Amino acid sequence: MTMVTAFEMGRFRIAMRLAVIGVLQTLLVCPLLKAEIPLPTPREHYQKFPRGTTGLALLSEFMQQLDPATQKMLGALAQAGGLPDPQSFPKIDPATTAELLKLAELLPLPKTPPLSKPQVVTLLKQINWTPWRIQILEFFIHQSQVLDMIPERWGTLWGPIVHDALLYFLDHLPEDRLAEKFVNLAYLPPGTSRGTYLLEFVSRTPSLQKLGQILARNPDLALDYREALQRLENGIQTTTRDELVEFITQDVGREAIEKYQVKFANKILAEASVAAVIRASCVLPGTEAPRDAICKVIKPYVLVALPQDLTIVDDLAGYFTRQHDYYQLGSMPLSKLFQEIRRSLSDEIKTVEEQHNLVRAREYYRDNPRILVPELFPLSNNHVSIMEFVHGHKIANAFPGDARQRALMARRFFDALTFDVIFSPRKDALFHGDPHAGNVFHVVDDKDPYRIALLDWGLCGTFPREERRQLVQLMLGVQIRDARRLRNNVDALLE
């Protein structure tokens, strides 16, 4: 890590706290007002504040826009909170190491924050920060380093798209969620990696987390960003073990929990954008021995946050359709991407439908020893799915360092998800609709060393035999350049 990067990371929470104090100077104890940020952002913005620009540069410019009386009041508030006078800020040039080091001397990091996170959130909810909304949101986006995720060669095209999409999204978040997001990022400890900043940025925001899952395996992204995004597959942490267990117990019912002798693990096993899972054991009717189980539950806050996210995603799709030419989208299906994210998230909260799909898939693969679909247990209800625990790990982690074994595993995976579906003898072939690495496991300690477990059946579909026949004919037509085959079967694509 360079000295400049370490400096900027170490000053992140000071800068955010200063921004919060800057908001407090309005001293208006009135409800937060909604103000639409003017979009698209002018092209000049990206010349003045290109990707990689620290939020401190925006904060410095913002301070200099204030009138002298406000600057004096802001200085008094900052000093009262244990921070240096913002009037002492130099004009920040992010590329100048000397200036950054000078600023580091001016801003010694306090050992303890002058205000707790709940206190700051409460203050933010009580004041009107509408006049400075655009500056604060700009600061937030740049200082979070989320724009740095865009690969250099895609920056010119994708920079304005990502920048304005995030501005639009944040501007339309409910104020309580926005304030909480600001404060959580501000209170990250010094030295926090940019990957962790990114995870905090998308925390408790299902739509952004789903987008992160889509990007997690993109080789164009920097390795640290890919590793951070891969944690979104099942490594998020937005709820505690006790909160989850209490919700499951209340939702399923204490009587049922006691009847089935359910015992929960001491920690959450995994958490994704919509659901969290925790290991357990239970005794099923007619049996005596405990069965290893997994409890998958829709997180309580998601039931509120997700509908809000989906509304914003819908609006974003409409916005980029209207501004298609400005962003030079060409044939890029950006609106379709938003629609796909929306559909995917909507399907993930259909717990009963997912349970039905799971039962159906287990029956479908019952006679296939190469595929394991976990058994659904009778304790399940509308928000909680309790099922068989699969002893394994992500398929991406199978046979580390053994190229031959990994190749065999990859072939098995390909066959299961494509070949076996297309050439299934059944009238309607069933296929998994969301086979990312967190949903496909390599089963360990099994007679078949390459056995695959297919988890999370929230998204699945059927492929009728006639459509599969036409698809194969199309593939053959392309391969042998047979125009007649293509002409006779092209309606499969049109359908």
Protein backbone atom coordinates (compact mmCIF):
# COMPACT_ATOMS: atom_id res chain seq x y z
CA MET A 1 0.00 0.00 0.00
CA THR A 2 1.45 3.42 -0.92
CA MET A 3 1.83 6.20 1.64
CA VAL A 4 -0.79 8.27 -0.19
CA THR A 5 -3.30 5.41 -0.18
CA ALA A 6 -2.68 4.69 3.48
CA PHE A 7 -3.14 8.38 4.26
CA GLU A 8 -6.46 8.61 2.41
CA MET A 9 -7.78 5.47 4.08
CA GLY A 10 -6.72 6.73 7.47
CA ARG A 11 -8.46 10.08 6.96
CA PHE A 12 -11.71 8.70 5.56
CA ARG A 13 -13.68 8.68 8.79
CA ILE A 14 -12.40 12.18 9.77
CA ALA A 15 -13.47 13.58 6.41
CA MET A 16 -16.89 11.97 6.64
CA ARG A 17 -17.32 13.23 10.21
CA LEU A 18 -16.39 16.73 9.05
CA ALA A 19 -19.00 16.46 6.32
CA VAL A 20 -21.58 15.49 8.94
CA ILE A 21 -20.55 18.45 11.11
CA GLY A 22 -20.79 20.68 8.05
CA VAL A 23 -24.37 19.59 7.64
CA LEU A 24 -25.11 20.31 11.29
CA GLN A 25 -24.21 23.99 10.84
CA THR A 26 -27.61 24.63 9.24
CA LEU A 27 -29.08 24.32 12.77
CA LEU A 28 -32.49 23.75 11.24
CA VAL A 29 -34.44 21.27 13.28
CA CYS A 30 -36.93 20.34 10.55
CA PRO A 31 -37.68 17.15 8.59
CA LEU A 32 -35.34 16.21 5.76
CA LEU A 33 -36.61 17.44 2.42
CA LYS A 34 -36.37 15.53 -0.85
CA ALA A 35 -34.41 17.21 -3.65
CA GLU A 36 -33.78 15.70 -7.02
CA ILE A 37 -30.14 15.94 -8.06
CA PRO A 38 -29.76 17.39 -11.58
CA LEU A 39 -28.70 14.64 -13.99
CA PRO A 40 -26.92 13.86 -16.25
CA THR A 41 -23.76 15.15 -14.60
CA PRO A 42 -21.94 17.58 -16.95
CA ARG A 43 -18.87 16.13 -18.67
CA GLU A 44 -16.70 18.82 -17.09
CA HIS A 45 -17.18 17.13 -13.72
CA TYR A 46 -15.12 14.14 -14.82
CA GLN A 47 -12.29 16.40 -15.95
CA LYS A 48 -12.18 18.20 -12.61
CA PHE A 49 -12.87 15.13 -10.48
CA PRO A 50 -11.83 12.03 -12.45
CA ARG A 51 -12.08 8.49 -11.09
CA GLY A 52 -9.60 8.06 -8.27
CA THR A 53 -10.21 11.56 -6.92
CA THR A 54 -10.42 11.51 -3.16
CA GLY A 55 -13.53 12.83 -1.50
CA LEU A 56 -11.24 15.14 0.46
CA ALA A 57 -10.74 17.19 -2.72
CA LEU A 58 -14.49 17.70 -3.01
CA LEU A 59 -14.71 18.49 0.70
CA SER A 60 -11.99 21.12 0.37
CA GLU A 61 -13.83 22.83 -2.49
CA PHE A 62 -17.08 22.63 -0.56
CA MET A 63 -15.54 24.33 2.49
CA GLN A 64 -14.35 27.22 0.36
CA GLN A 65 -17.88 27.84 -0.96
CA LEU A 66 -19.17 28.67 2.52
CA ASP A 67 -19.54 32.24 3.68
CA PRO A 68 -17.10 33.47 6.39
CA ALA A 69 -19.68 33.36 9.16
CA THR A 70 -20.56 29.74 8.36
CA GLN A 71 -16.88 28.81 8.15
CA LYS A 72 -16.33 30.30 11.59
CA MET A 73 -19.32 28.40 13.03
CA LEU A 74 -18.14 25.22 11.35
CA GLY A 75 -14.68 25.70 12.85
CA ALA A 76 -16.15 26.08 16.32
CA LEU A 77 -18.25 22.92 15.90
CA ALA A 78 -15.28 20.95 14.60
CA GLN A 79 -13.06 22.02 17.48
CA ALA A 80 -15.80 21.25 19.98
CA GLY A 81 -15.92 17.73 18.54
CA GLY A 82 -12.17 17.27 18.93
CA LEU A 83 -11.33 17.94 15.26
CA PRO A 84 -9.12 20.64 13.68
CA ASP A 85 -10.52 23.83 12.20
CA PRO A 86 -11.63 23.10 8.56
CA GLN A 87 -10.44 26.62 7.59
CA SER A 88 -6.92 25.28 7.97
CA PHE A 89 -7.45 22.88 5.07
CA PRO A 90 -5.03 23.51 2.20
CA LYS A 91 -6.26 23.28 -1.38
CA ILE A 92 -6.02 19.52 -1.88
CA ASP A 93 -4.32 18.08 -4.92
CA PRO A 94 -4.80 14.30 -4.68
CA ALA A 95 -1.74 13.69 -6.84
CA THR A 96 0.60 15.66 -4.57
CA THR A 97 2.07 13.52 -1.84
CA ALA A 98 3.58 16.48 -0.02
CA GLU A 99 0.20 18.19 0.35
CA LEU A 100 -1.38 14.99 1.61
CA LEU A 101 1.33 14.49 4.19
CA LYS A 102 0.93 18.10 5.29
CA LEU A 103 -2.79 17.49 5.70
CA ALA A 104 -2.04 14.34 7.70
CA GLU A 105 -0.14 16.49 10.20
CA LEU A 106 -3.07 18.90 10.42
CA LEU A 107 -5.60 16.12 11.03
CA PRO A 108 -4.45 13.87 13.87
CA LEU A 109 -6.89 10.99 14.19
CA PRO A 110 -8.80 11.14 17.50
CA LYS A 111 -8.63 7.94 19.52
CA THR A 112 -12.37 7.87 20.13
CA PRO A 113 -15.12 9.43 17.97
CA PRO A 114 -16.71 12.49 19.59
CA LEU A 115 -20.18 11.15 18.73
CA SER A 116 -21.51 7.60 18.53
CA LYS A 117 -23.02 6.30 15.30
CA PRO A 118 -26.60 6.34 16.64
CA GLN A 119 -26.11 9.93 17.84
CA VAL A 120 -24.92 11.10 14.41
CA VAL A 121 -27.74 9.25 12.63
CA THR A 122 -30.25 10.91 14.98
CA LEU A 123 -28.79 14.35 14.25
CA LEU A 124 -28.86 13.76 10.50
CA LYS A 125 -32.52 12.85 10.70
CA GLN A 126 -33.35 16.10 12.50
CA ILE A 127 -31.82 18.63 10.13
CA ASN A 128 -32.32 19.89 6.63
CA TRP A 129 -29.22 19.17 4.54
CA THR A 130 -31.00 19.62 1.21
CA PRO A 131 -28.96 22.72 0.19
CA TRP A 132 -25.75 20.65 0.21
CA ARG A 133 -27.21 17.35 -0.91
CA ILE A 134 -25.32 17.11 -4.19
CA GLN A 135 -21.95 17.96 -2.59
CA ILE A 136 -22.45 15.40 0.16
CA LEU A 137 -23.53 12.62 -2.21
CA GLU A 138 -20.60 13.42 -4.51
CA PHE A 139 -18.25 13.29 -1.55
CA PHE A 140 -19.73 10.00 -0.45
CA ILE A 141 -19.34 8.33 -3.86
CA HIS A 142 -15.78 9.52 -4.46
CA GLN A 143 -14.50 8.84 -0.95
CA SER A 144 -15.98 5.32 -0.94
CA GLN A 145 -13.64 4.49 -3.86
CA VAL A 146 -16.42 2.56 -5.59
CA LEU A 147 -15.64 4.35 -8.88
CA ASP A 148 -12.09 2.96 -8.78
CA MET A 149 -13.59 -0.46 -9.45
CA ILE A 150 -14.12 0.46 -13.13
CA PRO A 151 -11.22 -0.95 -15.22
CA GLU A 152 -9.10 1.79 -16.80
CA ARG A 153 -9.93 0.80 -20.37
CA TRP A 154 -13.67 1.11 -19.67
CA GLY A 155 -13.46 4.33 -17.66
CA THR A 156 -14.46 6.79 -20.39
CA LEU A 157 -17.70 4.95 -21.19
CA TRP A 158 -18.63 3.43 -17.85
CA GLY A 159 -17.41 6.21 -15.54
CA PRO A 160 -20.36 8.57 -16.19
CA ILE A 161 -22.83 5.65 -16.21
CA VAL A 162 -21.74 4.26 -12.85
CA HIS A 163 -21.31 7.72 -11.31
CA ASP A 164 -24.80 8.91 -12.25
CA ALA A 165 -26.46 5.57 -11.51
CA LEU A 166 -25.06 5.71 -7.96
CA LEU A 167 -26.00 9.38 -7.55
CA TYR A 168 -29.54 8.60 -8.69
CA PHE A 169 -29.78 5.55 -6.44
CA LEU A 170 -28.51 7.31 -3.31
CA ASP A 171 -30.69 10.36 -3.96
CA HIS A 172 -33.80 8.15 -4.02
CA LEU A 173 -32.98 6.04 -0.96
CA PRO A 174 -35.19 6.72 2.08
CA GLU A 175 -33.43 9.22 4.33
CA ASP A 176 -33.00 6.85 7.28
CA ARG A 177 -31.17 4.29 5.12
CA LEU A 178 -29.03 6.98 3.51
CA ALA A 179 -28.01 8.49 6.86
CA GLU A 180 -27.15 5.06 8.24
CA LYS A 181 -25.01 4.30 5.18
CA PHE A 182 -23.09 7.58 5.53
CA VAL A 183 -22.33 7.04 9.18
CA ASN A 184 -21.33 3.37 8.85
CA LEU A 185 -18.78 4.27 6.19
CA ALA A 186 -17.51 7.23 8.19
CA TYR A 187 -16.79 5.06 11.22
CA LEU A 188 -14.73 2.42 9.45
CA PRO A 189 -11.30 2.22 11.14
CA PRO A 190 -8.19 3.70 9.53
CA GLY A 191 -6.32 1.37 7.21
CA THR A 192 -9.54 -0.27 5.99
CA SER A 193 -9.07 -1.76 2.51
CA ARG A 194 -10.97 -0.40 -0.48
CA GLY A 195 -12.67 -3.78 -0.84
CA THR A 196 -14.11 -3.40 2.64
CA TYR A 197 -15.24 0.14 1.78
CA LEU A 198 -17.05 -1.32 -1.21
CA LEU A 199 -18.77 -3.96 0.92
CA GLU A 200 -19.87 -1.31 3.42
CA PHE A 201 -21.12 0.84 0.55
CA VAL A 202 -23.49 -1.92 -0.63
CA SER A 203 -24.33 -3.16 2.88
CA ARG A 204 -28.04 -3.69 3.57
CA THR A 205 -28.78 -2.74 -0.04
CA PRO A 206 -30.00 -5.92 -1.78
CA SER A 207 -29.99 -4.51 -5.33
CA LEU A 208 -26.37 -3.32 -5.17
CA GLN A 209 -25.34 -6.61 -3.56
CA LYS A 210 -26.99 -8.57 -6.37
CA LEU A 211 -25.13 -6.46 -8.94
CA GLY A 212 -21.92 -7.17 -7.03
CA GLN A 213 -22.60 -10.91 -7.27
CA ILE A 214 -22.95 -10.57 -11.03
CA LEU A 215 -19.56 -8.79 -11.25
CA ALA A 216 -17.74 -10.93 -8.69
CA ARG A 217 -16.04 -13.27 -11.18
CA ASN A 218 -15.30 -10.66 -13.87
CA PRO A 219 -11.56 -11.00 -14.67
CA ASP A 220 -11.37 -7.34 -15.78
CA LEU A 221 -11.78 -6.17 -12.18
CA ALA A 222 -8.80 -5.75 -9.85
CA LEU A 223 -8.15 -8.82 -7.70
CA ASP A 224 -8.97 -7.10 -4.39
CA TYR A 225 -12.34 -5.97 -5.74
CA ARG A 226 -13.13 -9.44 -7.08
CA GLU A 227 -12.28 -11.02 -3.74
CA ALA A 228 -14.47 -8.48 -1.92
CA LEU A 229 -17.41 -8.99 -4.29
CA GLN A 230 -17.15 -12.77 -4.00
CA ARG A 231 -17.91 -12.37 -0.31
CA LEU A 232 -21.35 -11.18 -1.42
CA GLU A 233 -22.12 -14.71 -2.61
CA ASN A 234 -22.53 -15.89 0.97
CA GLY A 235 -20.18 -13.89 3.18
CA ILE A 236 -22.15 -10.73 4.01
CA GLN A 237 -22.51 -9.69 7.67
CA THR A 238 -25.53 -7.48 8.37
CA THR A 239 -27.27 -9.41 11.14
CA THR A 240 -26.23 -11.26 14.29
CA ARG A 241 -26.67 -14.89 15.22
CA ASP A 242 -29.03 -14.09 18.11
CA GLU A 243 -31.20 -11.81 15.94
CA LEU A 244 -31.50 -14.53 13.31
CA VAL A 245 -32.29 -17.31 15.79
CA GLU A 246 -34.92 -15.18 17.54
CA PHE A 247 -36.59 -14.35 14.22
CA ILE A 248 -36.64 -18.03 13.17
CA THR A 249 -38.01 -19.11 16.55
CA GLN A 250 -40.80 -16.52 16.47
CA ASP A 251 -41.64 -17.17 12.82
CA VAL A 252 -41.69 -20.98 13.02
CA GLY A 253 -43.10 -21.03 16.56
CA ARG A 254 -41.47 -22.08 19.82
CA GLU A 255 -43.71 -25.14 20.06
CA ALA A 256 -42.50 -26.47 16.72
CA ILE A 257 -38.88 -25.69 17.57
CA GLU A 258 -39.19 -27.71 20.78
CA LYS A 259 -41.16 -30.53 19.13
CA TYR A 260 -38.45 -31.07 16.51
CA GLN A 261 -35.68 -30.53 19.08
CA VAL A 262 -34.04 -27.86 16.94
CA LYS A 263 -30.57 -26.82 18.09
CA PHE A 264 -28.90 -23.84 16.39
CA ALA A 265 -25.18 -23.36 15.75
CA ASN A 266 -23.20 -20.71 17.63
CA LYS A 267 -22.69 -18.54 14.55
CA ILE A 268 -24.26 -17.74 11.19
CA LEU A 269 -22.89 -19.95 8.43
CA ALA A 270 -23.41 -17.56 5.52
CA GLU A 271 -25.32 -14.45 4.57
CA ALA A 272 -26.24 -13.27 1.08
CA SER A 273 -28.07 -10.24 -0.30
CA VAL A 274 -31.57 -11.40 0.66
CA ALA A 275 -31.24 -14.40 2.97
CA ALA A 276 -29.02 -15.70 5.76
CA VAL A 277 -28.34 -19.32 6.72
CA ILE A 278 -27.39 -20.95 9.99
CA ARG A 279 -26.58 -24.56 10.73
CA ALA A 280 -28.81 -26.56 13.04
CA SER A 281 -29.87 -30.06 13.95
CA CYS A 282 -33.37 -31.46 14.32
CA VAL A 283 -35.17 -34.73 14.93
CA LEU A 284 -37.73 -35.50 12.23
CA PRO A 285 -41.05 -37.31 12.93
CA GLY A 286 -40.64 -41.07 13.19
CA THR A 287 -36.90 -40.85 13.78
CA GLU A 288 -34.63 -40.69 16.83
CA ALA A 289 -31.26 -39.56 15.50
CA PRO A 290 -30.69 -35.81 14.92
CA ARG A 291 -30.26 -34.72 11.30
CA ASP A 292 -27.83 -32.01 10.23
CA ALA A 293 -29.88 -29.13 8.88
CA ILE A 294 -29.55 -25.68 7.43
CA CYS A 295 -32.01 -22.86 8.10
CA LYS A 296 -32.36 -20.31 5.33
CA VAL A 297 -34.36 -17.23 6.28
CA ILE A 298 -35.30 -13.99 4.55
CA LYS A 299 -33.62 -11.29 6.64
CA PRO A 300 -36.19 -9.11 8.41
CA TYR A 301 -34.85 -5.78 7.10
CA VAL A 302 -34.95 -7.11 3.51
CA LEU A 303 -38.75 -7.31 3.69
CA VAL A 304 -38.71 -3.49 3.97
CA ALA A 305 -35.59 -2.53 2.00
CA LEU A 306 -36.10 -4.73 -1.03
CA PRO A 307 -39.38 -3.19 -2.26
CA GLN A 308 -37.73 0.24 -1.95
CA ASP A 309 -34.71 -0.95 -3.96
CA LEU A 310 -36.90 -2.46 -6.65
CA THR A 311 -38.76 0.81 -7.15
CA ILE A 312 -35.46 2.67 -7.60
CA VAL A 313 -34.16 0.02 -10.03
CA ASP A 314 -37.34 0.41 -12.10
CA ASP A 315 -36.88 4.17 -12.18
CA LEU A 316 -33.20 3.81 -13.12
CA ALA A 317 -34.11 1.64 -16.10
CA GLY A 318 -36.48 4.36 -17.28
CA TYR A 319 -33.89 7.08 -16.70
CA PHE A 320 -31.20 5.42 -18.82
CA THR A 321 -33.74 4.70 -21.54
CA ARG A 322 -34.53 8.42 -21.71
CA GLN A 323 -30.84 9.41 -21.58
CA HIS A 324 -29.66 6.67 -23.96
CA ASP A 325 -27.85 9.04 -26.35
CA TYR A 326 -26.14 11.14 -23.67
CA TYR A 327 -24.44 8.09 -22.16
CA GLN A 328 -23.57 6.71 -25.62
CA LEU A 329 -25.14 3.37 -24.77
CA GLY A 330 -25.48 2.23 -28.39
CA SER A 331 -26.71 -1.36 -28.34
CA MET A 332 -25.69 -1.85 -24.69
CA PRO A 333 -28.70 -3.48 -22.95
CA LEU A 334 -28.34 -1.46 -19.74
CA SER A 335 -32.07 -1.20 -19.06
CA LYS A 336 -32.39 -4.96 -19.53
CA LEU A 337 -29.64 -5.45 -16.94
CA PHE A 338 -31.65 -3.44 -14.41
CA GLN A 339 -34.76 -5.42 -15.27
CA GLU A 340 -32.85 -8.68 -14.82
CA ILE A 341 -31.59 -7.58 -11.39
CA ARG A 342 -35.12 -6.64 -10.43
CA ARG A 343 -36.56 -9.95 -11.56
CA SER A 344 -33.80 -11.90 -9.83
CA LEU A 345 -34.33 -10.09 -6.52
CA SER A 346 -38.10 -10.41 -6.73
CA ASP A 347 -37.78 -14.15 -7.23
CA GLU A 348 -35.44 -14.51 -4.23
CA ILE A 349 -38.13 -13.48 -1.74
CA LYS A 350 -40.65 -16.01 -3.07
CA THR A 351 -39.82 -18.50 -0.34
CA VAL A 352 -42.80 -20.80 -0.86
CA GLU A 353 -42.15 -20.94 -4.60
CA GLU A 354 -38.48 -21.73 -3.94
CA GLN A 355 -39.49 -24.53 -1.58
CA HIS A 356 -41.80 -25.92 -4.25
CA ASN A 357 -38.93 -25.77 -6.77
CA LEU A 358 -36.62 -27.52 -4.31
CA VAL A 359 -39.05 -30.41 -3.80
CA ARG A 360 -39.56 -30.63 -7.55
CA ALA A 361 -35.82 -30.59 -8.27
CA ARG A 362 -35.11 -33.28 -5.66
CA GLU A 363 -37.69 -35.52 -7.31
CA TYR A 364 -36.31 -34.67 -10.79
CA TYR A 365 -32.75 -35.70 -9.80
CA ARG A 366 -33.78 -38.59 -7.53
CA ASP A 367 -32.33 -41.24 -9.84
CA ASN A 368 -29.24 -39.22 -10.79
CA PRO A 369 -26.39 -40.21 -8.40
CA ARG A 370 -24.15 -37.43 -9.74
CA ILE A 371 -26.42 -34.61 -8.49
CA LEU A 372 -27.55 -33.92 -4.94
CA VAL A 373 -30.52 -31.68 -4.18
CA PRO A 374 -31.08 -31.20 -0.42
CA GLU A 375 -34.26 -32.48 1.24
CA LEU A 376 -36.76 -29.91 2.53
CA PHE A 377 -37.86 -30.53 6.14
CA PRO A 378 -41.49 -30.05 7.32
CA LEU A 379 -40.64 -27.19 9.72
CA SER A 380 -40.41 -24.76 6.79
CA ASN A 381 -42.87 -21.88 6.36
CA ASN A 382 -43.35 -18.66 4.36
CA HIS A 383 -40.11 -16.99 5.50
CA VAL A 384 -37.96 -19.90 6.69
CA SER A 385 -36.69 -22.93 4.76
CA ILE A 386 -35.20 -25.71 6.90
CA MET A 387 -33.49 -28.40 4.86
CA GLU A 388 -30.78 -31.04 4.74
CA PHE A 389 -27.25 -29.75 5.31
CA VAL A 390 -24.81 -30.46 2.46
CA HIS A 391 -21.25 -31.28 3.52
CA GLY A 392 -19.17 -29.55 0.87
CA HIS A 393 -17.76 -26.29 -0.43
CA LYS A 394 -18.12 -23.96 -3.41
CA ILE A 395 -17.38 -25.71 -6.67
CA ALA A 396 -14.83 -22.98 -7.47
CA ASN A 397 -12.77 -24.26 -4.52
CA ALA A 398 -12.78 -27.92 -5.57
CA PHE A 399 -9.40 -29.70 -5.83
CA PRO A 400 -7.17 -26.65 -5.30
CA GLY A 401 -3.90 -26.88 -7.20
CA ASP A 402 -4.91 -30.06 -9.07
CA ALA A 403 -5.51 -29.01 -12.69
CA ARG A 404 -6.59 -32.47 -13.87
CA GLN A 405 -9.15 -32.96 -11.11
CA ARG A 406 -10.47 -29.41 -11.56
CA ALA A 407 -10.90 -30.03 -15.29
CA LEU A 408 -12.94 -33.16 -14.56
CA MET A 409 -15.02 -31.22 -12.05
CA ALA A 410 -15.62 -28.44 -14.58
CA ARG A 411 -16.73 -30.97 -17.20
CA ARG A 412 -19.16 -32.54 -14.73
CA PHE A 413 -20.54 -29.09 -13.94
CA PHE A 414 -20.90 -28.23 -17.64
CA ASP A 415 -22.65 -31.50 -18.39
CA ALA A 416 -25.06 -31.15 -15.48
CA LEU A 417 -26.09 -27.58 -16.29
CA THR A 418 -26.13 -27.67 -20.11
CA PHE A 419 -25.62 -31.01 -21.87
CA ASP A 420 -27.91 -33.00 -19.56
CA VAL A 421 -30.59 -30.32 -19.86
CA ILE A 422 -30.52 -30.06 -23.66
CA PHE A 423 -30.45 -33.84 -24.23
CA SER A 424 -32.75 -34.86 -21.37
CA PRO A 425 -35.15 -37.67 -22.36
CA ARG A 426 -37.94 -35.97 -20.41
CA LYS A 427 -40.64 -33.94 -22.06
CA ASP A 428 -39.73 -30.90 -19.97
CA ALA A 429 -36.14 -30.60 -18.79
CA LEU A 430 -35.58 -28.76 -15.50
CA PHE A 431 -32.65 -26.36 -15.20
CA HIS A 432 -31.13 -24.28 -12.39
CA GLY A 433 -31.52 -20.57 -13.09
CA ASP A 434 -28.88 -19.07 -10.76
CA PRO A 435 -25.78 -21.32 -10.80
CA HIS A 436 -23.19 -18.93 -9.35
CA ALA A 437 -20.39 -20.35 -7.19
CA GLY A 438 -22.33 -19.89 -3.97
CA ASN A 439 -25.19 -22.07 -5.24
CA VAL A 440 -23.17 -24.97 -6.67
CA PHE A 441 -21.24 -27.12 -4.18
CA HIS A 442 -18.72 -29.91 -4.50
CA VAL A 443 -19.94 -32.65 -2.15
CA VAL A 444 -17.10 -33.97 0.03
CA ASP A 445 -16.74 -37.37 1.70
CA ASP A 446 -18.92 -38.98 -0.95
CA LYS A 447 -18.47 -42.20 -2.94
CA ASP A 448 -18.47 -40.09 -6.10
CA PRO A 449 -15.51 -37.66 -5.82
CA TYR A 450 -17.09 -35.31 -8.37
CA ARG A 451 -20.65 -35.21 -7.04
CA ILE A 452 -22.35 -31.80 -7.33
CA ALA A 453 -24.97 -30.30 -5.01
CA LEU A 454 -27.35 -27.76 -6.54
CA LEU A 455 -28.56 -25.32 -3.89
CA ASP A 456 -30.95 -22.36 -3.84
CA TRP A 457 -33.74 -23.15 -6.29
CA GLY A 458 -35.35 -19.72 -6.15
CA LEU A 459 -34.66 -19.37 -9.87
CA CYS A 460 -35.27 -22.31 -12.17
CA GLY A 461 -37.07 -23.08 -15.41
CA THR A 462 -38.15 -25.78 -17.81
CA PHE A 463 -36.97 -26.42 -21.35
CA PRO A 464 -39.58 -28.25 -23.50
CA ARG A 465 -38.34 -31.02 -25.79
CA GLU A 466 -39.47 -29.35 -29.02
CA GLU A 467 -37.59 -26.14 -28.21
CA ARG A 468 -34.50 -28.16 -27.36
CA ARG A 469 -34.78 -30.04 -30.66
CA GLN A 470 -34.94 -26.78 -32.58
CA LEU A 471 -31.99 -25.37 -30.63
CA VAL A 472 -29.85 -28.38 -31.52
CA GLN A 473 -30.86 -28.03 -35.18
CA LEU A 474 -29.82 -24.38 -35.08
CA MET A 475 -26.47 -25.31 -33.59
CA LEU A 476 -25.93 -27.91 -36.29
CA GLY A 477 -27.01 -25.44 -38.96
CA VAL A 478 -24.39 -22.94 -37.81
CA GLN A 479 -21.71 -25.62 -37.48
CA ILE A 480 -22.20 -27.12 -40.98
CA ARG A 481 -23.46 -23.89 -42.58
CA ASP A 482 -26.81 -25.39 -43.53
CA ALA A 483 -29.10 -22.48 -44.45
CA ARG A 484 -32.11 -24.78 -44.71
CA ARG A 485 -31.75 -25.99 -41.10
CA LEU A 486 -31.42 -22.42 -39.90
CA ARG A 487 -34.48 -21.27 -41.83
CA ASN A 488 -36.63 -24.17 -40.65
CA ASN A 489 -35.74 -23.75 -36.95
CA VAL A 490 -35.17 -20.04 -36.49
CA ASP A 491 -38.61 -19.67 -34.93
CA ALA A 492 -37.12 -21.23 -31.78
CA LEU A 493 -35.12 -18.04 -31.32
CA LEU A 494 -38.10 -15.86 -32.16
CA GLU A 495 -40.16 -17.61 -29.49
